[in-house]
Amino acid sequence: MSAIGKHIRRLSDGLFRPAIKDKTPEIKPEAAADPIGIKLGDLELVYRDKEWVVEKGPAPPPTAPSPASVDATLQQLIEKNRALEGENQLLKYKMNVLVDMLAGSKLDTLRLQGKC
């Protein structure tokens, strides 16, 4: 019986121990903290006032082209596309002619050899 009482006492001792005081490290408020910086390739960013700010980076992209230059470029691309499609059709036709010529010469060769 003394062994059982000993185990019960240990269990009850653990239940009534005072809670361990939580020691949290002192954290600086965000305003007083040093800014966080990150470098991604040529771009350097710093976190200030709850947002990422570009410190140093590549040159900004050029302004958008005018609608007239976009239309001119589009027309050039359409014309080039049509020319390439025509060339592609011509090459397919030539390929079919060559395949037909090869098939004809193969038949001629087989006839001369007497296998056909």
N, C-alpha and C. Protein backbone atom coordinates (compact mmCIF):
# COMPACT_ATOMS: atom_id res chain seq x y z
N MET A 1 0.81 -1.19 0.00
CA MET A 1 0.00 0.00 0.00
C MET A 1 0.85 1.26 0.00
N SER A 2 2.00 1.19 0.62
CA SER A 2 2.83 2.39 0.68
C SER A 2 3.33 2.79 -0.71
N ALA A 3 3.55 1.80 -1.60
CA ALA A 3 4.00 2.10 -2.95
C ALA A 3 2.90 2.82 -3.74
N ILE A 4 1.66 2.40 -3.54
CA ILE A 4 0.54 3.04 -4.24
C ILE A 4 0.37 4.47 -3.74
N GLY A 5 0.45 4.67 -2.47
CA GLY A 5 0.31 6.02 -1.90
C GLY A 5 1.42 6.93 -2.38
N LYS A 6 2.61 6.37 -2.57
CA LYS A 6 3.74 7.16 -3.03
C LYS A 6 3.49 7.67 -4.45
N HIS A 7 2.96 6.80 -5.33
CA HIS A 7 2.68 7.19 -6.70
C HIS A 7 1.55 8.21 -6.76
N ILE A 8 0.56 8.05 -5.93
CA ILE A 8 -0.56 9.00 -5.92
C ILE A 8 -0.08 10.36 -5.46
N ARG A 9 0.78 10.36 -4.46
CA ARG A 9 1.28 11.63 -3.95
C ARG A 9 2.08 12.37 -5.02
N ARG A 10 2.88 11.65 -5.79
CA ARG A 10 3.65 12.30 -6.84
C ARG A 10 2.75 12.90 -7.91
N LEU A 11 1.70 12.18 -8.26
CA LEU A 11 0.76 12.69 -9.25
C LEU A 11 0.09 13.95 -8.73
N SER A 12 -0.33 13.94 -7.51
CA SER A 12 -1.02 15.11 -6.94
C SER A 12 -0.06 16.28 -6.76
N ASP A 13 1.20 16.00 -6.48
CA ASP A 13 2.16 17.09 -6.34
C ASP A 13 2.30 17.86 -7.67
N GLY A 14 2.29 17.16 -8.77
CA GLY A 14 2.44 17.80 -10.07
C GLY A 14 1.23 18.66 -10.43
N LEU A 15 0.07 18.31 -9.92
CA LEU A 15 -1.13 19.06 -10.25
C LEU A 15 -1.20 20.39 -9.52
N PHE A 16 -0.58 20.49 -8.37
CA PHE A 16 -0.70 21.71 -7.57
C PHE A 16 0.54 22.58 -7.60
N ARG A 17 1.48 22.29 -8.48
CA ARG A 17 2.66 23.13 -8.56
C ARG A 17 2.28 24.47 -9.19
N PRO A 18 2.93 25.51 -8.79
CA PRO A 18 2.62 26.81 -9.39
C PRO A 18 3.07 26.83 -10.86
N ALA A 19 2.36 27.56 -11.68
CA ALA A 19 2.66 27.64 -13.11
C ALA A 19 4.02 28.29 -13.33
N ILE A 20 4.72 27.84 -14.35
CA ILE A 20 6.03 28.40 -14.68
C ILE A 20 5.81 29.76 -15.32
N LYS A 21 6.57 30.72 -14.86
CA LYS A 21 6.42 32.06 -15.41
C LYS A 21 7.00 32.08 -16.82
N ASP A 22 6.24 32.66 -17.73
CA ASP A 22 6.64 32.75 -19.13
C ASP A 22 7.58 33.93 -19.30
N LYS A 23 8.80 33.65 -19.70
CA LYS A 23 9.77 34.72 -19.92
C LYS A 23 9.85 34.97 -21.43
N THR A 24 9.17 35.99 -21.87
CA THR A 24 9.22 36.34 -23.27
C THR A 24 10.28 37.42 -23.47
N PRO A 25 11.02 37.32 -24.55
CA PRO A 25 12.03 38.35 -24.79
C PRO A 25 11.35 39.68 -25.13
N GLU A 26 12.05 40.73 -24.82
CA GLU A 26 11.50 42.06 -25.09
C GLU A 26 11.60 42.32 -26.60
N ILE A 27 10.48 42.70 -27.19
CA ILE A 27 10.43 42.95 -28.63
C ILE A 27 10.24 44.44 -28.85
N LYS A 28 11.06 44.98 -29.76
CA LYS A 28 10.95 46.40 -30.07
C LYS A 28 9.66 46.64 -30.87
N PRO A 29 9.02 47.74 -30.65
CA PRO A 29 7.88 48.06 -31.52
C PRO A 29 8.37 48.24 -32.95
N GLU A 30 7.45 48.07 -33.89
CA GLU A 30 7.83 48.10 -35.30
C GLU A 30 8.45 49.44 -35.70
N ALA A 31 8.00 50.51 -35.11
CA ALA A 31 8.53 51.82 -35.46
C ALA A 31 9.99 51.96 -35.04
N ALA A 32 10.37 51.33 -33.95
CA ALA A 32 11.72 51.47 -33.45
C ALA A 32 12.67 50.41 -34.02
N ALA A 33 12.15 49.39 -34.67
CA ALA A 33 12.99 48.31 -35.18
C ALA A 33 13.73 48.76 -36.44
N ASP A 34 14.88 48.15 -36.67
CA ASP A 34 15.64 48.43 -37.88
C ASP A 34 14.87 47.89 -39.09
N PRO A 35 14.92 48.59 -40.22
CA PRO A 35 14.19 48.10 -41.40
C PRO A 35 14.81 46.81 -41.92
N ILE A 36 13.99 45.97 -42.48
CA ILE A 36 14.42 44.70 -43.03
C ILE A 36 14.73 44.92 -44.50
N GLY A 37 15.88 44.47 -44.94
CA GLY A 37 16.28 44.63 -46.34
C GLY A 37 16.48 43.30 -47.01
N ILE A 38 16.24 43.26 -48.31
CA ILE A 38 16.44 42.05 -49.09
C ILE A 38 16.95 42.45 -50.48
N LYS A 39 17.83 41.62 -51.03
CA LYS A 39 18.37 41.89 -52.36
C LYS A 39 18.03 40.70 -53.25
N LEU A 40 17.35 40.99 -54.35
CA LEU A 40 16.96 39.97 -55.31
C LEU A 40 17.55 40.36 -56.67
N GLY A 41 18.69 39.82 -57.00
CA GLY A 41 19.35 40.19 -58.25
C GLY A 41 19.80 41.64 -58.19
N ASP A 42 19.32 42.46 -59.12
CA ASP A 42 19.66 43.88 -59.14
C ASP A 42 18.72 44.71 -58.29
N LEU A 43 17.69 44.10 -57.75
CA LEU A 43 16.65 44.81 -57.02
C LEU A 43 16.89 44.74 -55.52
N GLU A 44 16.88 45.90 -54.85
CA GLU A 44 17.02 45.94 -53.39
C GLU A 44 15.73 46.51 -52.81
N LEU A 45 15.13 45.74 -51.88
CA LEU A 45 13.87 46.13 -51.24
C LEU A 45 14.08 46.32 -49.75
N VAL A 46 13.33 47.25 -49.15
CA VAL A 46 13.37 47.49 -47.72
C VAL A 46 11.93 47.55 -47.22
N TYR A 47 11.68 46.88 -46.07
CA TYR A 47 10.34 46.88 -45.48
C TYR A 47 10.23 48.03 -44.50
N ARG A 48 9.43 49.04 -44.87
CA ARG A 48 9.21 50.21 -44.01
C ARG A 48 7.73 50.53 -43.99
N ASP A 49 7.25 50.93 -42.86
CA ASP A 49 5.85 51.37 -42.70
C ASP A 49 4.87 50.35 -43.28
N LYS A 50 5.10 49.10 -42.97
CA LYS A 50 4.22 47.99 -43.33
C LYS A 50 4.10 47.76 -44.84
N GLU A 51 5.13 48.11 -45.62
CA GLU A 51 5.14 47.81 -47.05
C GLU A 51 6.58 47.74 -47.56
N TRP A 52 6.77 47.02 -48.65
CA TRP A 52 8.08 46.89 -49.27
C TRP A 52 8.32 48.07 -50.20
N VAL A 53 9.48 48.70 -50.06
CA VAL A 53 9.84 49.87 -50.85
C VAL A 53 11.12 49.53 -51.63
N VAL A 54 11.15 49.92 -52.91
CA VAL A 54 12.32 49.67 -53.76
C VAL A 54 13.39 50.71 -53.40
N GLU A 55 14.52 50.22 -52.94
CA GLU A 55 15.64 51.11 -52.62
C GLU A 55 16.47 51.37 -53.86
N LYS A 56 16.84 50.30 -54.54
CA LYS A 56 17.66 50.40 -55.74
C LYS A 56 17.26 49.28 -56.67
N GLY A 57 17.10 49.61 -57.93
CA GLY A 57 16.69 48.57 -58.86
C GLY A 57 16.97 48.97 -60.28
N PRO A 58 16.57 48.11 -61.22
CA PRO A 58 16.78 48.40 -62.63
C PRO A 58 15.94 49.60 -63.07
N ALA A 59 16.29 50.13 -64.21
CA ALA A 59 15.57 51.29 -64.74
C ALA A 59 14.11 50.91 -64.99
N PRO A 60 13.21 51.86 -64.82
CA PRO A 60 11.79 51.55 -65.06
C PRO A 60 11.55 51.22 -66.53
N PRO A 61 10.53 50.45 -66.81
CA PRO A 61 10.27 50.07 -68.20
C PRO A 61 9.90 51.30 -69.03
N PRO A 62 10.17 51.24 -70.33
CA PRO A 62 9.83 52.39 -71.17
C PRO A 62 8.32 52.59 -71.22
N THR A 63 7.94 53.78 -71.64
CA THR A 63 6.51 54.07 -71.72
C THR A 63 5.86 53.21 -72.79
N ALA A 64 4.56 53.07 -72.69
CA ALA A 64 3.82 52.24 -73.64
C ALA A 64 3.88 52.86 -75.04
N PRO A 65 3.97 52.01 -76.07
CA PRO A 65 4.02 52.54 -77.44
C PRO A 65 2.67 53.14 -77.82
N SER A 66 2.71 54.00 -78.82
CA SER A 66 1.47 54.64 -79.28
C SER A 66 0.63 53.62 -80.06
N PRO A 67 -0.69 53.82 -80.08
CA PRO A 67 -1.55 52.88 -80.82
C PRO A 67 -1.21 52.80 -82.30
N ALA A 68 -0.75 53.90 -82.89
CA ALA A 68 -0.40 53.87 -84.31
C ALA A 68 0.79 52.94 -84.57
N SER A 69 1.80 53.00 -83.70
CA SER A 69 2.97 52.12 -83.90
C SER A 69 2.60 50.66 -83.63
N VAL A 70 1.67 50.44 -82.70
CA VAL A 70 1.22 49.07 -82.44
C VAL A 70 0.49 48.52 -83.66
N ASP A 71 -0.37 49.35 -84.28
CA ASP A 71 -1.10 48.91 -85.47
C ASP A 71 -0.13 48.62 -86.63
N ALA A 72 0.89 49.46 -86.80
CA ALA A 72 1.86 49.24 -87.87
C ALA A 72 2.63 47.94 -87.64
N THR A 73 3.04 47.71 -86.41
CA THR A 73 3.75 46.47 -86.08
C THR A 73 2.86 45.26 -86.29
N LEU A 74 1.59 45.39 -85.92
CA LEU A 74 0.64 44.29 -86.10
C LEU A 74 0.46 43.97 -87.58
N GLN A 75 0.34 44.98 -88.42
CA GLN A 75 0.20 44.76 -89.86
C GLN A 75 1.44 44.08 -90.44
N GLN A 76 2.62 44.49 -89.99
CA GLN A 76 3.86 43.85 -90.46
C GLN A 76 3.89 42.38 -90.08
N LEU A 77 3.47 42.09 -88.85
CA LEU A 77 3.47 40.70 -88.40
C LEU A 77 2.44 39.86 -89.16
N ILE A 78 1.29 40.45 -89.47
CA ILE A 78 0.27 39.73 -90.24
C ILE A 78 0.79 39.41 -91.63
N GLU A 79 1.45 40.38 -92.28
CA GLU A 79 2.00 40.15 -93.61
C GLU A 79 3.10 39.08 -93.58
N LYS A 80 3.95 39.15 -92.58
CA LYS A 80 5.03 38.16 -92.46
C LYS A 80 4.44 36.77 -92.22
N ASN A 81 3.38 36.71 -91.41
CA ASN A 81 2.73 35.43 -91.12
C ASN A 81 2.14 34.84 -92.41
N ARG A 82 1.48 35.68 -93.21
CA ARG A 82 0.90 35.19 -94.48
C ARG A 82 2.00 34.68 -95.41
N ALA A 83 3.11 35.42 -95.50
CA ALA A 83 4.22 34.98 -96.36
C ALA A 83 4.78 33.64 -95.89
N LEU A 84 4.91 33.48 -94.59
CA LEU A 84 5.45 32.22 -94.06
C LEU A 84 4.47 31.07 -94.28
N GLU A 85 3.17 31.34 -94.15
CA GLU A 85 2.18 30.29 -94.41
C GLU A 85 2.22 29.87 -95.88
N GLY A 86 2.38 30.84 -96.80
CA GLY A 86 2.49 30.52 -98.23
C GLY A 86 3.72 29.68 -98.51
N GLU A 87 4.84 30.05 -97.89
CA GLU A 87 6.08 29.29 -98.07
C GLU A 87 5.93 27.88 -97.53
N ASN A 88 5.24 27.76 -96.40
CA ASN A 88 5.02 26.45 -95.79
C ASN A 88 4.17 25.57 -96.71
N GLN A 89 3.13 26.13 -97.31
CA GLN A 89 2.30 25.36 -98.25
C GLN A 89 3.10 24.91 -99.46
N LEU A 90 3.95 25.80 -100.00
CA LEU A 90 4.77 25.46 -101.14
C LEU A 90 5.73 24.32 -100.80
N LEU A 91 6.35 24.37 -99.61
CA LEU A 91 7.27 23.31 -99.20
C LEU A 91 6.55 21.98 -99.01
N LYS A 92 5.32 22.01 -98.48
CA LYS A 92 4.55 20.77 -98.35
C LYS A 92 4.24 20.18 -99.72
N TYR A 93 3.89 21.04 -100.69
CA TYR A 93 3.61 20.58 -102.05
C TYR A 93 4.85 19.94 -102.66
N LYS A 94 6.01 20.61 -102.52
CA LYS A 94 7.25 20.06 -103.07
C LYS A 94 7.60 18.73 -102.43
N MET A 95 7.33 18.60 -101.12
CA MET A 95 7.62 17.35 -100.41
C MET A 95 6.73 16.23 -100.97
N ASN A 96 5.45 16.52 -101.21
CA ASN A 96 4.56 15.50 -101.78
C ASN A 96 5.00 15.10 -103.18
N VAL A 97 5.45 16.04 -104.00
CA VAL A 97 5.94 15.73 -105.35
C VAL A 97 7.16 14.82 -105.25
N LEU A 98 8.09 15.15 -104.35
CA LEU A 98 9.29 14.32 -104.20
C LEU A 98 8.95 12.91 -103.72
N VAL A 99 7.98 12.79 -102.81
CA VAL A 99 7.58 11.46 -102.33
C VAL A 99 6.96 10.66 -103.48
N ASP A 100 6.12 11.32 -104.30
CA ASP A 100 5.54 10.64 -105.45
C ASP A 100 6.62 10.21 -106.44
N MET A 101 7.60 11.07 -106.68
CA MET A 101 8.71 10.73 -107.59
C MET A 101 9.50 9.54 -107.05
N LEU A 102 9.73 9.53 -105.72
CA LEU A 102 10.47 8.42 -105.11
C LEU A 102 9.69 7.12 -105.24
N ALA A 103 8.36 7.20 -105.01
CA ALA A 103 7.54 5.99 -105.14
C ALA A 103 7.57 5.48 -106.58
N GLY A 104 7.50 6.41 -107.55
CA GLY A 104 7.56 6.00 -108.97
C GLY A 104 8.89 5.36 -109.31
N SER A 105 9.98 5.94 -108.85
CA SER A 105 11.29 5.35 -109.17
C SER A 105 11.47 4.00 -108.48
N LYS A 106 10.88 3.83 -107.32
CA LYS A 106 10.97 2.54 -106.62
C LYS A 106 10.22 1.48 -107.43
N LEU A 107 9.04 1.85 -107.93
CA LEU A 107 8.28 0.90 -108.75
C LEU A 107 9.04 0.55 -110.03
N ASP A 108 9.66 1.55 -110.66
CA ASP A 108 10.45 1.29 -111.87
C ASP A 108 11.60 0.33 -111.58
N THR A 109 12.26 0.53 -110.44
CA THR A 109 13.37 -0.33 -110.05
C THR A 109 12.89 -1.76 -109.82
N LEU A 110 11.74 -1.91 -109.15
CA LEU A 110 11.19 -3.25 -108.88
C LEU A 110 10.80 -3.94 -110.18
N ARG A 111 10.25 -3.19 -111.17
CA ARG A 111 9.87 -3.77 -112.45
C ARG A 111 11.11 -4.26 -113.21
N LEU A 112 12.18 -3.45 -113.18
CA LEU A 112 13.41 -3.83 -113.86
C LEU A 112 14.03 -5.08 -113.23
N GLN A 113 13.87 -5.24 -111.93
CA GLN A 113 14.42 -6.40 -111.26
C GLN A 113 13.52 -7.61 -111.40
N GLY A 114 12.30 -7.39 -111.91
CA GLY A 114 11.37 -8.50 -112.15
C GLY A 114 10.62 -8.94 -110.91
N LYS A 115 10.59 -8.11 -109.89
CA LYS A 115 9.88 -8.50 -108.67
C LYS A 115 8.44 -8.02 -108.66
N CYS A 116 8.07 -7.27 -109.64
CA CYS A 116 6.73 -6.71 -109.61
C CYS A 116 5.98 -7.06 -110.85
